[in-house]
Amino acid sequence: MSWKHRVTCAMFELRDARREWKADRDVWKAEWRARDKDAKNSGAEGGPMGPPPNGFALLPWLLMGLGAFSNLLQGKTANPWIGGVGLFVFNSLYISIVFQAFDKRRREARYTLLALIAMGLLTCGLAITYGGSWLMFFPLLGLATGAVVRGRRLGQVALGLSALAGTIGGLKEGWDALNIAYGTFLSTMVTAAILSLAEAVRELRSAREELAHRAVEQERLRFSRDLHDLLGHTLSVIVVKSEAARRLAHRDLDAALTQVSDIESVGRQALTEIREAVTGYREGSLTTELDRARSALTAAGIEPVVRQSGPPLAAQTEALLGWVVREAVTNAVRHSGAARCEISVDGTPERVRLRVHDNGRGAAAEPPQPGIGGTGLRGLTERLGAAGGSLEAGPAGRGFTVTAELPALRDGAQPDPVREPERAG
């Protein structure tokens, strides 16, 4: 192979390598822009945090040991082989420790603590043997100590290490050792403070992102449950009233038109409720839901019986009980084949109890299972549980019963029992 051919091949290889490098650079830039965009969308101030800090941030401080290295090169150190080995071991321990310090699990491991103790003993030995510029290893020891030791013990460890550095330095250099003691204490405390602060900031940002994700998930769950409950009940009412209108159209046109008018009203109300559910501002009224339940049951040929007693309820309690009435009545209309459905609301100053019972086949819906999210009665179980209440559903004798209990919170209203007589459709 001629040299011209080899040069040509090398040029082609360099060109291909350059293209690969450009492709990798473009991919990296795209990933970085995506992370930046996600950070801004999540509300993180200042954009993405960037890569986490590591031991490279503390390596430049090894330049503090250049004085000792210079003495070795110039032959000013007695027993230079011992000093050289000591310098190499010290640097190796320092590099190992500072890289372990940025991972909490490895930082708290036993071998990291043993390496720090060995580094302290080596520092003391070199300082006692040589003194002078070798005393600068104490501030380096302080940096490594501050990177590893966190929490309440930090102050005691920093004072003890500074006292040790001052004592050994005083024996070798006299009063000039005060600078060594001060530098050791300062390097220990400042390093620990900066790294602890950086770690706390990262944990806070991570927690804030996690909370943001959970808020989005909760909003999605709320919207899906509201939409299911709203549409399930509304469509059931529309189907029932449509069937009633079809049955009445041949023999009673006015009654059929009344059902059609109800269908239009239910559809318009459903649009309004869906808009309110999307924006999260829907507040149900128990009285309104009871009226709608009575209308839906009557249209389905089921006799409604509604009883309500007790003090006025808070808006949140009414909204939750309204959801229970809506779901229970929807299931009764769809599945029960009942001839009669009783709805009772009994309130006391402490708790309020809602009971919906039909005399149908007893399989209106599957009973809710604790800890399972989803729609229908299972979703209502979670809602009531979060509000301090409970929901039970299942066959009861001949028929199906749904029972809900909640704390009887009131919006500043005094207990004033209001009795409402039995109403039958």
Protein backbone atom coordinates (compact mmCIF):
# COMPACT_ATOMS: atom_id res chain seq x y z
CA MET A 1 0.00 0.00 0.00
CA SER A 2 1.51 3.32 -1.11
CA TRP A 3 1.89 6.26 1.21
CA LYS A 4 -0.60 8.27 -0.88
CA HIS A 5 -3.24 5.60 -0.35
CA ARG A 6 -2.53 5.51 3.39
CA VAL A 7 -2.82 9.29 3.64
CA THR A 8 -6.11 9.21 1.72
CA CYS A 9 -7.52 6.53 4.02
CA ALA A 10 -6.45 8.51 7.06
CA MET A 11 -8.17 11.62 5.72
CA PHE A 12 -11.38 9.67 5.12
CA GLU A 13 -11.20 8.27 8.65
CA LEU A 14 -10.70 11.75 10.09
CA ARG A 15 -13.66 13.04 8.10
CA ASP A 16 -15.89 10.22 9.34
CA ALA A 17 -14.76 10.79 12.91
CA ARG A 18 -15.53 14.50 12.57
CA ARG A 19 -19.02 13.73 11.27
CA GLU A 20 -19.68 11.39 14.19
CA TRP A 21 -18.46 14.01 16.61
CA LYS A 22 -20.80 16.60 15.09
CA ALA A 23 -23.72 14.18 15.27
CA ASP A 24 -23.00 13.42 18.94
CA ARG A 25 -22.70 17.16 19.63
CA ASP A 26 -26.08 17.85 18.02
CA VAL A 27 -27.70 15.08 20.06
CA TRP A 28 -26.18 16.47 23.25
CA LYS A 29 -27.42 19.98 22.43
CA ALA A 30 -30.92 18.68 21.75
CA GLU A 31 -30.99 16.81 25.07
CA TRP A 32 -29.73 19.89 26.90
CA ARG A 33 -32.42 22.10 25.32
CA ALA A 34 -35.07 19.53 26.26
CA ARG A 35 -33.89 19.50 29.89
CA ASP A 36 -33.84 23.30 29.92
CA LYS A 37 -37.39 23.44 28.54
CA ASP A 38 -38.65 20.89 31.07
CA ALA A 39 -37.06 22.84 33.91
CA LYS A 40 -38.71 26.07 32.77
CA ASN A 41 -42.09 24.39 32.33
CA SER A 42 -41.90 22.93 35.83
CA GLY A 43 -41.27 26.39 37.26
CA ALA A 44 -37.67 25.79 38.31
CA GLU A 45 -35.98 29.14 38.75
CA GLY A 46 -32.69 29.59 36.99
CA GLY A 47 -33.14 26.74 34.52
CA PRO A 48 -31.63 23.29 34.86
CA MET A 49 -29.15 22.53 37.60
CA GLY A 50 -26.61 20.99 35.24
CA PRO A 51 -24.51 17.97 36.09
CA PRO A 52 -24.09 17.25 39.81
CA PRO A 53 -20.81 18.31 41.43
CA ASN A 54 -18.10 15.73 41.87
CA GLY A 55 -14.61 15.31 43.22
CA PHE A 56 -13.02 17.29 40.39
CA ALA A 57 -14.20 20.47 42.12
CA LEU A 58 -11.80 19.81 45.01
CA LEU A 59 -8.78 18.59 43.05
CA PRO A 60 -7.27 22.06 42.33
CA TRP A 61 -6.63 22.48 46.06
CA LEU A 62 -3.89 19.86 45.78
CA LEU A 63 -1.74 22.72 44.49
CA MET A 64 -1.33 23.66 48.16
CA GLY A 65 1.09 20.74 48.37
CA LEU A 66 3.40 22.12 45.67
CA GLY A 67 5.72 23.51 48.35
CA ALA A 68 6.41 20.04 49.71
CA PHE A 69 6.82 18.68 46.17
CA SER A 70 9.27 21.49 45.35
CA ASN A 71 11.34 20.67 48.41
CA LEU A 72 11.53 17.05 47.25
CA LEU A 73 12.73 18.06 43.79
CA GLN A 74 15.32 20.49 45.18
CA GLY A 75 16.69 17.92 47.64
CA LYS A 76 15.77 20.02 50.69
CA THR A 77 13.88 17.15 52.30
CA ALA A 78 15.59 14.54 54.42
CA ASN A 79 14.89 10.96 53.39
CA PRO A 80 13.28 12.04 50.10
CA TRP A 81 12.03 8.53 49.30
CA ILE A 82 9.97 8.48 52.46
CA GLY A 83 8.65 11.96 51.69
CA GLY A 84 7.88 11.02 48.09
CA VAL A 85 5.97 7.90 49.11
CA GLY A 86 4.13 9.88 51.80
CA LEU A 87 3.19 12.59 49.28
CA PHE A 88 1.95 9.99 46.78
CA VAL A 89 -0.12 8.15 49.41
CA PHE A 90 -1.54 11.42 50.75
CA ASN A 91 -2.64 12.57 47.29
CA SER A 92 -4.12 9.16 46.53
CA LEU A 93 -6.13 9.15 49.77
CA TYR A 94 -7.28 12.74 49.19
CA ILE A 95 -8.49 12.01 45.64
CA SER A 96 -10.26 8.84 46.76
CA ILE A 97 -11.98 10.54 49.68
CA VAL A 98 -13.22 13.63 47.81
CA PHE A 99 -14.70 11.49 45.05
CA GLN A 100 -16.46 9.31 47.62
CA ALA A 101 -17.80 12.39 49.42
CA PHE A 102 -20.31 13.32 46.70
CA ASP A 103 -22.28 10.10 47.06
CA LYS A 104 -24.14 9.85 50.36
CA ARG A 105 -24.01 6.08 50.58
CA ARG A 106 -20.28 5.88 49.87
CA ARG A 107 -19.58 8.94 52.00
CA GLU A 108 -21.08 7.25 55.05
CA ALA A 109 -19.42 3.90 54.33
CA ARG A 110 -16.88 2.48 56.75
CA TYR A 111 -14.01 2.37 54.25
CA THR A 112 -14.34 6.13 53.61
CA LEU A 113 -14.04 6.83 57.34
CA LEU A 114 -11.03 4.52 57.58
CA ALA A 115 -9.40 6.27 54.62
CA LEU A 116 -9.98 9.65 56.31
CA ILE A 117 -8.41 8.40 59.55
CA ALA A 118 -5.43 7.03 57.63
CA MET A 119 -5.06 10.37 55.86
CA GLY A 120 -5.12 12.16 59.23
CA LEU A 121 -2.42 9.89 60.67
CA LEU A 122 -0.26 10.33 57.57
CA THR A 123 -0.68 14.12 57.73
CA CYS A 124 0.39 14.18 61.35
CA GLY A 125 3.39 11.96 60.60
CA LEU A 126 4.61 14.09 57.66
CA ALA A 127 4.03 17.34 59.56
CA ILE A 128 5.96 16.13 62.62
CA THR A 129 8.79 14.72 60.48
CA TYR A 130 9.33 17.62 58.08
CA GLY A 131 7.35 20.68 59.24
CA GLY A 132 7.52 23.81 57.08
CA SER A 133 5.51 23.54 53.84
CA TRP A 134 4.38 20.04 54.82
CA LEU A 135 2.10 21.68 57.41
CA MET A 136 -0.09 22.83 54.49
CA PHE A 137 -1.40 19.28 54.35
CA PHE A 138 -3.56 20.11 57.38
CA PRO A 139 -5.86 22.50 55.41
CA LEU A 140 -6.08 19.80 52.73
CA LEU A 141 -7.06 17.34 55.43
CA GLY A 142 -9.67 19.89 56.53
CA LEU A 143 -11.09 20.00 53.00
CA ALA A 144 -11.42 16.23 52.89
CA THR A 145 -12.91 16.17 56.39
CA GLY A 146 -15.46 18.85 55.55
CA ALA A 147 -16.47 16.97 52.43
CA VAL A 148 -17.10 13.76 54.38
CA VAL A 149 -18.26 14.83 57.84
CA ARG A 150 -21.70 16.51 57.97
CA GLY A 151 -24.23 17.21 60.68
CA ARG A 152 -23.86 17.98 64.37
CA ARG A 153 -20.42 16.39 64.73
CA LEU A 154 -18.86 18.78 62.22
CA GLY A 155 -18.12 21.59 64.71
CA GLN A 156 -16.43 19.27 67.21
CA VAL A 157 -14.40 17.54 64.51
CA ALA A 158 -13.32 20.89 63.00
CA LEU A 159 -12.22 22.28 66.38
CA GLY A 160 -10.36 19.11 67.26
CA LEU A 161 -8.58 18.99 63.91
CA SER A 162 -7.66 22.68 64.13
CA ALA A 163 -6.30 22.21 67.64
CA LEU A 164 -4.22 19.25 66.46
CA ALA A 165 -2.88 21.27 63.51
CA GLY A 166 -2.09 24.22 65.79
CA THR A 167 -0.31 22.03 68.34
CA ILE A 168 1.88 20.22 65.80
CA GLY A 169 2.53 23.44 63.90
CA GLY A 170 3.44 25.23 67.10
CA LEU A 171 6.02 22.60 67.92
CA LYS A 172 7.60 22.95 64.48
CA GLU A 173 7.10 26.62 63.55
CA GLY A 174 6.11 28.48 66.72
CA TRP A 175 3.44 31.18 66.56
CA ASP A 176 3.29 31.02 62.78
CA ALA A 177 1.26 27.83 63.23
CA LEU A 178 -1.80 29.93 64.11
CA ASN A 179 -2.32 30.47 60.39
CA ILE A 180 -2.28 26.71 59.86
CA ALA A 181 -4.86 26.16 62.62
CA TYR A 182 -7.09 28.94 61.27
CA GLY A 183 -6.77 27.67 57.69
CA THR A 184 -7.62 24.13 58.77
CA PHE A 185 -10.73 25.23 60.64
CA LEU A 186 -11.85 27.51 57.81
CA SER A 187 -11.34 24.91 55.08
CA THR A 188 -13.26 22.30 57.07
CA MET A 189 -16.27 24.47 57.86
CA VAL A 190 -16.53 26.27 54.51
CA THR A 191 -16.24 23.06 52.49
CA ALA A 192 -18.91 21.34 54.58
CA ALA A 193 -21.20 24.38 54.39
CA ILE A 194 -20.92 24.79 50.61
CA LEU A 195 -21.39 21.11 49.84
CA SER A 196 -24.27 20.77 52.29
CA LEU A 197 -25.97 23.82 50.82
CA ALA A 198 -25.53 22.53 47.27
CA GLU A 199 -26.92 19.14 48.27
CA ALA A 200 -29.89 20.75 50.05
CA VAL A 201 -30.68 22.91 47.02
CA ARG A 202 -30.65 19.87 44.76
CA GLU A 203 -32.88 17.92 47.12
CA LEU A 204 -35.32 20.84 47.32
CA ARG A 205 -35.46 21.19 43.56
CA SER A 206 -35.94 17.46 43.18
CA ALA A 207 -38.73 17.55 45.78
CA ARG A 208 -40.36 20.50 44.02
CA GLU A 209 -40.28 18.66 40.69
CA GLU A 210 -41.74 15.57 42.34
CA LEU A 211 -44.52 17.66 43.89
CA ALA A 212 -45.23 19.24 40.51
CA HIS A 213 -45.48 15.80 38.89
CA ARG A 214 -47.77 14.59 41.66
CA ALA A 215 -49.96 17.67 41.30
CA VAL A 216 -50.31 16.95 37.59
CA GLU A 217 -51.17 13.32 38.31
CA GLN A 218 -53.74 14.33 40.93
CA GLU A 219 -55.32 16.80 38.53
CA ARG A 220 -55.50 14.15 35.84
CA LEU A 221 -57.09 11.73 38.29
CA ARG A 222 -59.58 14.36 39.43
CA PHE A 223 -60.52 15.23 35.89
CA SER A 224 -60.93 11.61 34.80
CA ARG A 225 -63.10 10.76 37.82
CA ASP A 226 -65.24 13.88 37.45
CA LEU A 227 -65.67 13.31 33.74
CA HIS A 228 -66.59 9.65 34.28
CA ASP A 229 -69.12 10.45 36.98
CA LEU A 230 -70.61 13.38 35.07
CA LEU A 231 -70.93 11.65 31.72
CA GLY A 232 -71.95 8.30 33.18
CA HIS A 233 -74.88 9.81 35.04
CA THR A 234 -75.85 12.27 32.29
CA LEU A 235 -75.76 9.74 29.49
CA SER A 236 -77.75 7.28 31.59
CA VAL A 237 -80.44 9.91 32.16
CA ILE A 238 -80.48 10.80 28.46
CA VAL A 239 -80.82 7.14 27.47
CA VAL A 240 -83.62 6.55 29.97
CA LYS A 241 -85.53 9.66 28.94
CA SER A 242 -85.03 8.84 25.25
CA GLU A 243 -86.51 5.41 25.81
CA ALA A 244 -89.41 6.99 27.68
CA ALA A 245 -89.96 9.48 24.84
CA ARG A 246 -89.93 6.63 22.29
CA ARG A 247 -92.51 4.68 24.30
CA LEU A 248 -94.78 7.72 24.75
CA ALA A 249 -94.51 9.11 21.23
CA HIS A 250 -97.30 6.88 19.82
CA ARG A 251 -99.89 7.44 22.54
CA ASP A 252 -99.04 10.71 24.33
CA LEU A 253 -97.17 13.23 22.20
CA ASP A 254 -97.18 15.94 24.87
CA ALA A 255 -95.58 13.63 27.43
CA ALA A 256 -93.00 12.57 24.84
CA LEU A 257 -92.19 16.22 24.08
CA THR A 258 -91.76 16.81 27.81
CA GLN A 259 -89.18 14.02 27.93
CA VAL A 260 -87.42 15.49 24.89
CA SER A 261 -87.35 18.87 26.62
CA ASP A 262 -85.82 17.21 29.67
CA ILE A 263 -83.18 15.61 27.45
CA GLU A 264 -82.26 19.03 26.06
CA SER A 265 -82.08 20.49 29.57
CA VAL A 266 -79.93 17.61 30.81
CA GLY A 267 -77.58 18.01 27.84
CA ARG A 268 -77.14 21.74 28.40
CA GLN A 269 -76.54 21.20 32.10
CA ALA A 270 -73.99 18.49 31.27
CA LEU A 271 -72.05 20.92 29.06
CA THR A 272 -71.95 23.46 31.89
CA GLU A 273 -70.81 20.85 34.42
CA ILE A 274 -68.11 19.53 32.11
CA ARG A 275 -66.72 23.05 31.67
CA GLU A 276 -66.74 23.50 35.44
CA ALA A 277 -65.07 20.12 35.95
CA VAL A 278 -62.31 21.00 33.47
CA THR A 279 -61.53 24.24 35.29
CA GLY A 280 -61.83 22.57 38.70
CA TYR A 281 -64.45 24.96 40.05
CA ARG A 282 -67.45 22.67 40.14
CA GLU A 283 -69.22 22.54 43.52
CA GLY A 284 -72.12 20.16 43.68
CA SER A 285 -75.30 20.82 45.61
CA LEU A 286 -76.88 17.92 47.45
CA THR A 287 -80.38 19.32 46.97
CA THR A 288 -79.81 19.66 43.21
CA GLU A 289 -78.47 16.12 42.95
CA LEU A 290 -81.45 14.78 44.90
CA ASP A 291 -83.83 16.53 42.51
CA ARG A 292 -81.97 15.12 39.52
CA ALA A 293 -81.94 11.67 41.07
CA ARG A 294 -85.70 11.84 41.59
CA SER A 295 -86.19 12.85 37.95
CA ALA A 296 -83.89 10.12 36.60
CA LEU A 297 -85.51 7.40 38.73
CA THR A 298 -89.00 8.48 37.72
CA ALA A 299 -88.07 8.42 34.03
CA ALA A 300 -86.67 4.89 34.48
CA GLY A 301 -89.91 3.69 36.08
CA ILE A 302 -88.41 3.47 39.56
CA GLU A 303 -90.33 5.00 42.46
CA PRO A 304 -88.04 7.49 44.30
CA VAL A 305 -88.35 8.05 48.05
CA VAL A 306 -86.18 10.84 49.44
CA ARG A 307 -85.77 11.66 53.13
CA GLN A 308 -83.43 14.35 54.46
CA SER A 309 -82.88 15.56 58.00
CA GLY A 310 -80.21 17.23 60.06
CA PRO A 311 -78.33 20.54 60.24
CA PRO A 312 -77.03 22.44 57.19
CA LEU A 313 -73.87 20.94 55.68
CA ALA A 314 -70.67 22.46 54.39
CA ALA A 315 -70.27 22.90 50.63
CA GLN A 316 -67.51 20.28 50.52
CA THR A 317 -69.65 17.74 52.35
CA GLU A 318 -72.62 18.43 50.08
CA ALA A 319 -70.43 18.06 47.00
CA LEU A 320 -69.10 14.67 48.13
CA LEU A 321 -72.55 13.37 49.05
CA GLY A 322 -73.85 14.68 45.73
CA TRP A 323 -71.27 12.55 43.91
CA VAL A 324 -72.41 9.49 45.91
CA VAL A 325 -76.06 10.13 45.06
CA ARG A 326 -75.22 10.59 41.40
CA GLU A 327 -73.18 7.38 41.18
CA ALA A 328 -75.58 5.24 43.22
CA VAL A 329 -78.63 6.39 41.26
CA THR A 330 -76.82 5.90 37.96
CA ASN A 331 -76.02 2.31 38.90
CA ALA A 332 -79.60 1.74 40.04
CA VAL A 333 -80.98 3.05 36.75
CA ARG A 334 -78.53 1.05 34.66
CA HIS A 335 -78.34 -2.30 36.40
CA SER A 336 -80.77 -2.85 39.26
CA GLY A 337 -84.14 -3.41 37.56
CA ALA A 338 -85.68 -2.09 40.78
CA ALA A 339 -89.19 -0.79 41.33
CA ARG A 340 -88.32 1.43 44.29
CA CYS A 341 -85.24 3.36 45.41
CA GLU A 342 -84.91 5.00 48.82
CA ILE A 343 -82.45 7.84 49.46
CA SER A 344 -82.02 9.02 53.05
CA VAL A 345 -79.73 11.71 54.47
CA ASP A 346 -79.42 11.73 58.25
CA GLY A 347 -77.23 14.37 59.88
CA THR A 348 -76.02 15.02 63.41
CA PRO A 349 -73.71 17.74 64.71
CA GLU A 350 -70.82 15.25 64.38
CA ARG A 351 -71.47 13.14 61.29
CA VAL A 352 -73.80 12.83 58.33
CA ARG A 353 -74.93 9.54 56.82
CA LEU A 354 -76.26 8.96 53.30
CA ARG A 355 -77.98 5.71 52.37
CA VAL A 356 -79.20 4.71 48.91
CA HIS A 357 -81.12 1.40 48.74
CA ASP A 358 -83.00 -0.16 45.85
CA ASN A 359 -85.08 -3.34 45.79
CA GLY A 360 -83.59 -4.62 42.56
CA ARG A 361 -81.49 -7.66 41.76
CA GLY A 362 -78.79 -6.76 44.29
CA ALA A 363 -75.92 -6.43 41.81
CA ALA A 364 -76.02 -2.77 40.93
CA ALA A 365 -72.27 -2.48 41.06
CA GLU A 366 -69.23 -4.21 42.37
CA PRO A 367 -68.37 -3.20 45.95
CA PRO A 368 -65.41 -0.86 46.18
CA GLN A 369 -62.06 -2.32 47.12
CA PRO A 370 -59.81 -0.32 49.45
CA GLY A 371 -56.63 1.02 47.94
CA ILE A 372 -57.79 0.67 44.31
CA GLY A 373 -58.18 3.86 42.33
CA GLY A 374 -60.35 4.25 39.33
CA THR A 375 -63.89 5.26 38.56
CA GLY A 376 -67.33 4.79 40.02
CA LEU A 377 -67.68 3.61 43.58
CA ARG A 378 -63.96 2.87 43.85
CA GLY A 379 -63.10 6.46 43.02
CA LEU A 380 -65.71 7.67 45.53
CA THR A 381 -64.14 5.46 48.20
CA GLU A 382 -60.87 7.35 47.75
CA ARG A 383 -62.60 10.74 47.81
CA LEU A 384 -64.51 10.06 51.00
CA GLY A 385 -61.50 8.44 52.63
CA ALA A 386 -59.42 11.57 51.96
CA ALA A 387 -62.15 13.66 53.66
CA GLY A 388 -62.24 11.43 56.75
CA GLY A 389 -65.31 9.49 55.68
CA SER A 390 -66.14 6.01 54.44
CA LEU A 391 -68.17 4.28 51.74
CA GLU A 392 -69.72 0.84 51.81
CA ALA A 393 -71.60 -0.79 48.95
CA GLY A 394 -73.00 -4.24 48.42
CA PRO A 395 -76.10 -6.44 48.31
CA ALA A 396 -78.39 -6.04 51.31
CA GLY A 397 -81.30 -8.46 51.50
CA ARG A 398 -83.30 -7.96 48.32
CA GLY A 399 -81.54 -5.14 46.57
CA PHE A 400 -78.36 -3.12 46.72
CA THR A 401 -77.28 -0.55 49.30
CA VAL A 402 -74.72 2.24 49.19
CA THR A 403 -73.88 3.88 52.51
CA ALA A 404 -71.61 6.92 52.89
CA GLU A 405 -70.54 8.66 56.09
CA LEU A 406 -68.71 11.96 56.48
CA PRO A 407 -67.84 14.41 59.25
CA ALA A 408 -70.68 16.95 59.46
CA LEU A 409 -68.69 20.13 58.81
CA ARG A 410 -70.69 23.33 58.58
CA ASP A 411 -69.80 26.66 56.99
CA GLY A 412 -70.24 28.70 60.15
CA ALA A 413 -73.89 27.67 60.50
CA GLN A 414 -75.32 26.76 63.87
CA PRO A 415 -77.02 23.39 64.22
CA ASP A 416 -80.62 23.96 63.22
CA PRO A 417 -82.37 20.70 62.44
CA VAL A 418 -84.50 21.01 59.35
CA ARG A 419 -87.00 18.27 58.91
CA GLU A 420 -88.19 17.51 55.42
CA PRO A 421 -91.20 15.24 55.03
CA GLU A 422 -91.02 12.10 52.98
CA ARG A 423 -91.34 12.77 49.32
CA ALA A 424 -92.30 10.15 46.81
CA GLY A 425 -92.19 10.66 43.09
